[in-house]
């Protein structure tokens, strides 16, 4: 998991891009693990989601620490943000 770098009070967040989204992971990244990012305190999940390399307009589901979350949920030090592409069907 990522941890705070102690500079500027940023929060360490782990991002996990899953299923088809693994293709957008950093090149040197192990697809089974998350990669670390830093955000400012008071950052909402939606703000971080908007920074991820997911194509604009894609529909997806995301969890924070294994629980469904809303885009307005505030992130905290050590959170794990997991993002899955939406599953179609019916």
N, C-alpha and C. Protein backbone atom coordinates (compact mmCIF):
# COMPACT_ATOMS: atom_id res chain seq x y z
N UNK A 1 0.81 -1.18 0.00
CA UNK A 1 0.00 0.00 0.00
C UNK A 1 0.86 1.24 0.00
N UNK A 2 0.36 2.28 -0.58
CA UNK A 2 1.10 3.53 -0.59
C UNK A 2 1.04 4.17 0.79
N UNK A 3 2.01 4.99 1.08
CA UNK A 3 1.98 5.72 2.34
C UNK A 3 2.33 7.17 2.07
N UNK A 4 2.01 8.01 3.02
CA UNK A 4 2.27 9.44 2.84
C UNK A 4 3.76 9.68 2.70
N UNK A 5 4.12 10.57 1.81
CA UNK A 5 5.54 10.86 1.62
C UNK A 5 6.02 11.94 2.59
N UNK A 6 5.10 12.44 3.41
CA UNK A 6 5.48 13.44 4.40
C UNK A 6 5.71 14.82 3.82
N UNK A 7 5.52 14.99 2.54
CA UNK A 7 5.75 16.29 1.91
C UNK A 7 4.40 16.94 1.62
N UNK A 8 4.18 18.08 2.23
CA UNK A 8 2.97 18.82 1.94
C UNK A 8 1.70 18.19 2.49
N UNK A 9 1.82 17.20 3.35
CA UNK A 9 0.65 16.59 3.95
C UNK A 9 -0.18 15.76 3.00
N UNK A 10 0.39 15.30 1.89
CA UNK A 10 -0.37 14.51 0.94
C UNK A 10 -0.71 13.14 1.51
N UNK A 11 -1.79 12.55 1.00
CA UNK A 11 -2.24 11.24 1.42
C UNK A 11 -1.78 10.18 0.42
N UNK A 12 -1.30 9.06 0.91
CA UNK A 12 -0.92 7.95 0.05
C UNK A 12 -2.13 7.06 -0.20
N UNK A 13 -2.47 6.87 -1.46
CA UNK A 13 -3.61 6.05 -1.88
C UNK A 13 -3.09 4.98 -2.83
N UNK A 14 -3.63 3.77 -2.72
CA UNK A 14 -3.30 2.70 -3.66
C UNK A 14 -4.43 2.58 -4.67
N UNK A 15 -4.08 2.58 -5.95
CA UNK A 15 -5.06 2.43 -7.03
C UNK A 15 -4.89 1.05 -7.63
N UNK A 16 -6.01 0.35 -7.79
CA UNK A 16 -6.01 -0.95 -8.45
C UNK A 16 -6.94 -0.87 -9.65
N UNK A 17 -6.40 -1.04 -10.84
CA UNK A 17 -7.20 -1.08 -12.07
C UNK A 17 -7.36 -2.56 -12.41
N UNK A 18 -8.60 -3.00 -12.52
CA UNK A 18 -8.86 -4.43 -12.64
C UNK A 18 -9.53 -4.78 -13.97
N UNK A 19 -9.50 -6.08 -14.28
CA UNK A 19 -10.08 -6.63 -15.52
C UNK A 19 -9.46 -5.92 -16.73
N UNK A 20 -10.28 -5.45 -17.67
CA UNK A 20 -9.77 -4.80 -18.88
C UNK A 20 -8.95 -3.55 -18.59
N UNK A 21 -9.16 -2.92 -17.44
CA UNK A 21 -8.44 -1.70 -17.12
C UNK A 21 -6.97 -1.94 -16.78
N UNK A 22 -6.57 -3.18 -16.64
CA UNK A 22 -5.15 -3.46 -16.38
C UNK A 22 -4.27 -2.95 -17.51
N UNK A 23 -4.83 -2.84 -18.71
CA UNK A 23 -4.04 -2.35 -19.85
C UNK A 23 -3.59 -0.91 -19.66
N UNK A 24 -4.21 -0.18 -18.73
CA UNK A 24 -3.86 1.22 -18.48
C UNK A 24 -2.89 1.40 -17.32
N UNK A 25 -2.42 0.31 -16.76
CA UNK A 25 -1.47 0.39 -15.64
C UNK A 25 -0.12 0.91 -16.13
N UNK A 26 0.66 1.50 -15.23
CA UNK A 26 2.02 1.89 -15.61
C UNK A 26 2.78 0.68 -16.18
N UNK A 27 3.64 0.92 -17.14
CA UNK A 27 4.34 -0.14 -17.85
C UNK A 27 5.08 -1.12 -16.96
N UNK A 28 5.75 -0.63 -15.95
CA UNK A 28 6.57 -1.49 -15.09
C UNK A 28 5.80 -2.05 -13.90
N UNK A 29 4.49 -2.04 -13.99
CA UNK A 29 3.65 -2.41 -12.86
C UNK A 29 3.22 -3.88 -12.91
N UNK A 30 3.18 -4.51 -11.75
CA UNK A 30 2.65 -5.87 -11.61
C UNK A 30 1.13 -5.76 -11.59
N UNK A 31 0.45 -6.37 -12.54
CA UNK A 31 -1.00 -6.19 -12.69
C UNK A 31 -1.81 -6.74 -11.52
N UNK A 32 -1.19 -7.52 -10.65
CA UNK A 32 -1.93 -8.06 -9.50
C UNK A 32 -1.90 -7.13 -8.29
N UNK A 33 -1.07 -6.14 -8.33
CA UNK A 33 -0.93 -5.24 -7.19
C UNK A 33 -1.40 -3.84 -7.56
N UNK A 34 -1.59 -3.02 -6.58
CA UNK A 34 -1.96 -1.64 -6.84
C UNK A 34 -0.73 -0.77 -7.01
N UNK A 35 -0.92 0.43 -7.52
CA UNK A 35 0.19 1.38 -7.61
C UNK A 35 -0.17 2.61 -6.79
N UNK A 36 0.84 3.23 -6.26
CA UNK A 36 0.63 4.34 -5.34
C UNK A 36 0.50 5.68 -6.02
N UNK A 37 -0.40 6.50 -5.51
CA UNK A 37 -0.54 7.89 -5.92
C UNK A 37 -0.67 8.73 -4.65
N UNK A 38 -0.43 10.01 -4.78
CA UNK A 38 -0.60 10.92 -3.66
C UNK A 38 -1.64 11.97 -4.02
N UNK A 39 -2.50 12.27 -3.06
CA UNK A 39 -3.54 13.29 -3.26
C UNK A 39 -3.54 14.23 -2.06
N UNK A 40 -4.10 15.39 -2.27
CA UNK A 40 -4.20 16.36 -1.19
C UNK A 40 -5.31 15.95 -0.22
N UNK A 41 -5.16 16.27 1.05
CA UNK A 41 -6.27 16.04 1.99
C UNK A 41 -7.53 16.73 1.48
N UNK A 42 -8.67 16.11 1.68
CA UNK A 42 -9.92 16.67 1.20
C UNK A 42 -10.27 16.28 -0.22
N UNK A 43 -9.46 15.39 -0.83
CA UNK A 43 -9.74 14.92 -2.19
C UNK A 43 -10.84 13.87 -2.14
N UNK A 44 -11.85 14.04 -3.00
CA UNK A 44 -12.94 13.07 -3.11
C UNK A 44 -12.54 11.98 -4.11
N UNK A 45 -13.16 10.82 -3.96
CA UNK A 45 -12.88 9.70 -4.86
C UNK A 45 -13.05 10.10 -6.32
N UNK A 46 -14.10 10.86 -6.62
CA UNK A 46 -14.35 11.28 -8.00
C UNK A 46 -13.24 12.11 -8.59
N UNK A 47 -12.60 12.92 -7.76
CA UNK A 47 -11.49 13.74 -8.25
C UNK A 47 -10.31 12.86 -8.66
N UNK A 48 -10.03 11.82 -7.88
CA UNK A 48 -8.96 10.90 -8.25
C UNK A 48 -9.37 10.07 -9.45
N UNK A 49 -10.60 9.60 -9.49
CA UNK A 49 -11.07 8.82 -10.63
C UNK A 49 -10.90 9.60 -11.93
N UNK A 50 -11.16 10.89 -11.89
CA UNK A 50 -11.04 11.73 -13.10
C UNK A 50 -9.59 11.84 -13.57
N UNK A 51 -8.63 11.58 -12.70
CA UNK A 51 -7.20 11.66 -13.05
C UNK A 51 -6.67 10.34 -13.62
N UNK A 52 -7.42 9.26 -13.47
CA UNK A 52 -6.92 7.95 -13.89
C UNK A 52 -6.96 7.82 -15.41
N UNK A 53 -6.14 6.92 -15.96
CA UNK A 53 -6.04 6.77 -17.41
C UNK A 53 -7.15 5.93 -18.02
N UNK A 54 -8.36 6.07 -17.51
CA UNK A 54 -9.52 5.36 -18.04
C UNK A 54 -10.14 6.24 -19.12
N UNK A 55 -10.51 5.67 -20.26
CA UNK A 55 -11.08 6.49 -21.34
C UNK A 55 -12.31 7.27 -20.88
N UNK A 56 -12.38 8.51 -21.29
CA UNK A 56 -13.54 9.36 -20.97
C UNK A 56 -14.80 8.70 -21.49
N UNK A 57 -15.83 8.73 -20.70
CA UNK A 57 -17.10 8.15 -21.11
C UNK A 57 -17.28 6.69 -20.72
N UNK A 58 -16.21 6.02 -20.32
CA UNK A 58 -16.35 4.62 -19.88
C UNK A 58 -17.20 4.56 -18.62
N UNK A 59 -17.99 3.52 -18.52
CA UNK A 59 -18.77 3.28 -17.31
C UNK A 59 -18.00 2.27 -16.47
N UNK A 60 -17.95 2.51 -15.18
CA UNK A 60 -17.20 1.64 -14.29
C UNK A 60 -17.82 1.63 -12.90
N UNK A 61 -17.38 0.67 -12.12
CA UNK A 61 -17.75 0.56 -10.71
C UNK A 61 -16.47 0.69 -9.92
N UNK A 62 -16.55 1.27 -8.74
CA UNK A 62 -15.35 1.38 -7.92
C UNK A 62 -15.67 1.13 -6.46
N UNK A 63 -14.64 0.69 -5.76
CA UNK A 63 -14.73 0.41 -4.34
C UNK A 63 -13.59 1.12 -3.64
N UNK A 64 -13.83 1.50 -2.41
CA UNK A 64 -12.77 2.00 -1.54
C UNK A 64 -12.66 1.02 -0.39
N UNK A 65 -11.49 0.45 -0.25
CA UNK A 65 -11.23 -0.54 0.81
C UNK A 65 -12.23 -1.68 0.76
N UNK A 66 -12.57 -2.12 -0.46
CA UNK A 66 -13.44 -3.28 -0.63
C UNK A 66 -14.92 -3.01 -0.47
N UNK A 67 -15.31 -1.75 -0.33
CA UNK A 67 -16.72 -1.40 -0.17
C UNK A 67 -17.15 -0.42 -1.25
N UNK A 68 -18.37 -0.64 -1.77
CA UNK A 68 -18.90 0.29 -2.77
C UNK A 68 -18.86 1.70 -2.20
N UNK A 69 -18.51 2.67 -3.04
CA UNK A 69 -18.37 4.04 -2.57
C UNK A 69 -19.02 4.99 -3.58
N UNK A 70 -19.21 6.21 -3.13
CA UNK A 70 -19.74 7.28 -3.98
C UNK A 70 -18.58 8.19 -4.41
N UNK A 71 -18.76 8.88 -5.52
CA UNK A 71 -17.72 9.79 -6.01
C UNK A 71 -17.42 10.90 -5.02
N UNK A 72 -18.36 11.23 -4.16
CA UNK A 72 -18.17 12.31 -3.20
C UNK A 72 -17.45 11.87 -1.92
N UNK A 73 -17.21 10.57 -1.78
CA UNK A 73 -16.55 10.08 -0.56
C UNK A 73 -15.12 10.61 -0.49
N UNK A 74 -14.75 11.15 0.66
CA UNK A 74 -13.40 11.67 0.87
C UNK A 74 -12.41 10.52 1.04
N UNK A 75 -11.23 10.69 0.46
CA UNK A 75 -10.17 9.69 0.58
C UNK A 75 -9.37 9.95 1.85
N UNK A 76 -8.81 8.86 2.39
CA UNK A 76 -8.01 8.93 3.61
C UNK A 76 -6.70 8.18 3.40
N UNK A 77 -5.70 8.54 4.17
CA UNK A 77 -4.39 7.89 4.11
C UNK A 77 -4.55 6.37 4.11
N UNK A 78 -3.89 5.70 3.15
CA UNK A 78 -3.88 4.25 3.09
C UNK A 78 -5.06 3.62 2.40
N UNK A 79 -6.02 4.42 1.91
CA UNK A 79 -7.17 3.84 1.20
C UNK A 79 -6.72 3.11 -0.05
N UNK A 80 -7.52 2.10 -0.44
CA UNK A 80 -7.30 1.36 -1.68
C UNK A 80 -8.52 1.61 -2.57
N UNK A 81 -8.28 2.22 -3.72
CA UNK A 81 -9.33 2.51 -4.69
C UNK A 81 -9.23 1.47 -5.80
N UNK A 82 -10.24 0.61 -5.91
CA UNK A 82 -10.27 -0.44 -6.92
C UNK A 82 -11.33 -0.08 -7.97
N UNK A 83 -10.95 -0.17 -9.25
CA UNK A 83 -11.84 0.26 -10.33
C UNK A 83 -12.03 -0.90 -11.32
N UNK A 84 -13.30 -1.20 -11.62
CA UNK A 84 -13.67 -2.28 -12.53
C UNK A 84 -14.50 -1.70 -13.68
N UNK A 85 -14.29 -2.18 -14.90
CA UNK A 85 -15.18 -1.74 -15.98
C UNK A 85 -16.59 -2.28 -15.73
N UNK A 86 -17.59 -1.54 -16.17
CA UNK A 86 -18.97 -1.98 -16.02
C UNK A 86 -19.18 -3.26 -16.82
N UNK A 87 -20.01 -4.11 -16.30
CA UNK A 87 -20.32 -5.37 -16.97
C UNK A 87 -21.68 -5.22 -17.63
N UNK A 88 -21.73 -5.48 -18.93
CA UNK A 88 -23.00 -5.40 -19.65
C UNK A 88 -23.69 -6.74 -19.64
N UNK A 89 -24.89 -6.75 -20.04
CA UNK A 89 -25.62 -8.01 -20.11
C UNK A 89 -27.09 -7.79 -19.84
N UNK A 90 -27.76 -8.89 -19.76
CA UNK A 90 -29.19 -8.77 -19.44
C UNK A 90 -29.95 -9.54 -20.35
